[in-house]
Protein backbone atom coordinates (compact mmCIF):
# COMPACT_ATOMS: atom_id res chain seq x y z
CA MET A 1 -17.15 16.12 -21.02
CA ALA A 2 -14.68 17.40 -18.43
CA ALA A 3 -13.25 20.84 -19.14
CA ILE A 4 -9.64 21.98 -19.09
CA ARG A 5 -9.10 25.59 -18.09
CA PRO A 6 -6.06 27.74 -17.30
CA SER A 7 -5.44 28.64 -13.67
CA SER A 8 -6.19 32.29 -14.43
CA ASP A 9 -9.81 31.33 -15.16
CA LEU A 10 -10.23 30.18 -11.58
CA ARG A 11 -9.64 33.77 -10.50
CA ASN A 12 -11.15 35.62 -13.45
CA LYS A 13 -14.07 33.34 -14.41
CA TYR A 14 -14.93 31.61 -11.13
CA ASN A 15 -18.70 31.90 -11.66
CA GLU A 16 -18.43 30.36 -15.12
CA ILE A 17 -16.49 27.39 -13.74
CA SER A 18 -18.93 27.02 -10.85
CA ASP A 19 -21.91 27.07 -13.23
CA PHE A 20 -20.28 24.44 -15.44
CA CYS A 21 -19.57 22.09 -12.51
CA ASN A 22 -23.07 22.42 -11.12
CA ARG A 23 -24.89 22.19 -14.46
CA TYR A 24 -23.00 19.27 -16.00
CA HIS A 25 -21.80 17.43 -12.85
CA GLU A 26 -18.38 17.21 -14.48
CA PRO A 27 -14.93 18.18 -13.20
CA VAL A 28 -12.85 21.08 -14.43
CA PHE A 29 -9.12 20.43 -14.70
CA ILE A 30 -7.09 23.53 -13.84
CA THR A 31 -3.77 23.79 -15.68
CA LYS A 32 -0.79 26.10 -15.69
CA ASN A 33 0.38 26.89 -19.22
CA GLY A 34 -1.71 24.03 -20.60
CA THR A 35 -0.26 21.31 -18.37
CA GLY A 36 -1.01 19.96 -14.90
CA ASP A 37 0.80 21.89 -12.19
CA LEU A 38 2.18 20.55 -8.89
CA GLY A 39 2.92 17.18 -10.47
CA VAL A 40 -0.80 16.36 -10.42
CA ALA A 41 -3.87 17.88 -12.00
CA VAL A 42 -5.91 20.25 -9.88
CA VAL A 43 -9.55 19.28 -10.29
CA VAL A 44 -12.58 21.35 -9.32
CA LEU A 45 -15.95 19.69 -8.61
CA SER A 46 -19.28 20.94 -7.33
CA ASN A 47 -19.98 20.14 -3.68
CA ALA A 48 -22.84 17.86 -4.71
CA GLU A 49 -20.63 15.88 -7.11
CA TYR A 50 -17.88 15.59 -4.50
CA GLU A 51 -20.38 14.26 -1.92
CA ARG A 52 -21.77 11.81 -4.50
CA LEU A 53 -18.29 10.49 -5.26
CA CYS A 54 -17.44 10.19 -1.56
CA GLY A 55 -20.69 8.33 -0.94
CA LYS A 56 -19.98 5.99 -3.82
CA ALA A 57 -16.47 5.28 -2.48
CA GLU A 58 -17.91 4.59 0.99
CA LEU A 59 -20.51 2.23 -0.48
CA HIS A 60 -17.78 0.33 -2.34
CA ARG A 61 -15.72 0.11 0.86
CA LEU A 62 -18.67 -1.29 2.82
CA LEU A 63 -19.52 -3.77 0.06
CA ASP A 64 -15.90 -4.96 -0.03
CA GLU A 65 -15.96 -5.34 3.75
CA GLY A 66 -19.18 -7.37 3.54
CA LEU A 67 -17.81 -9.58 0.78
CA ALA A 68 -14.66 -10.21 2.82
CA ASP A 69 -16.86 -11.26 5.76
CA VAL A 70 -18.82 -13.65 3.53
CA ARG A 71 -15.59 -15.18 2.18
CA SER A 72 -14.23 -15.68 5.69
CA LYS A 73 -17.56 -17.12 6.90
CA LYS A 74 -18.06 -14.28 9.42
CA GLY A 75 -21.58 -13.56 8.20
CA ARG A 76 -24.91 -14.79 9.53
CA PRO A 77 -27.80 -16.26 7.56
CA ALA A 78 -30.09 -13.59 6.12
CA LYS A 79 -33.06 -15.18 7.89
CA GLU A 80 -31.42 -14.47 11.29
CA VAL A 81 -30.50 -10.91 10.35
CA PHE A 82 -34.01 -10.06 9.15
CA ALA A 83 -35.55 -11.68 12.25
CA ASP A 84 -33.33 -9.47 14.43
CA ILE A 85 -34.37 -6.38 12.47
CA GLU A 86 -38.05 -7.31 12.79
CA ARG A 87 -37.67 -7.76 16.57
CA LYS A 88 -35.69 -4.54 16.96
CA PHE A 89 -38.26 -2.41 15.15
CA GLY A 90 -41.36 -4.27 16.37
CA PHE A 91 -42.36 -5.77 13.01
CA ASP A 92 -42.66 -9.23 14.56
CA GLU A 93 -45.58 -7.99 16.69
CA VAL A 94 -47.81 -7.23 13.69
C-alpha cells in the first residue's frame, strides 16, 4: 500500500508522511507533477524500514556467499564447525 505524494507534501506535510512511513512500514513515492523526477522515483522510508531492508540485503549476500563456498567445496563439515564453536565458547567442558 505504498503512497504517491507530490514533492510539495514533503515540505508542507512532512509529519503526515513520517507518520505514514512509521505506522505502515511502507514507502512513499515523491513525484513532481504526478511523475517521477530526476529520471528515477524518490522514495521515502522510515529509518527502521530502511535498516530492515539493508539487513535483509546483507543476509542475502552472506547466504549467496555461503552457497558459493558450498558449490566450490570450500566449506567444512558441520560437525567440525560446531565442535570448533563448542571449544571456543567452552561448551565442550560441560
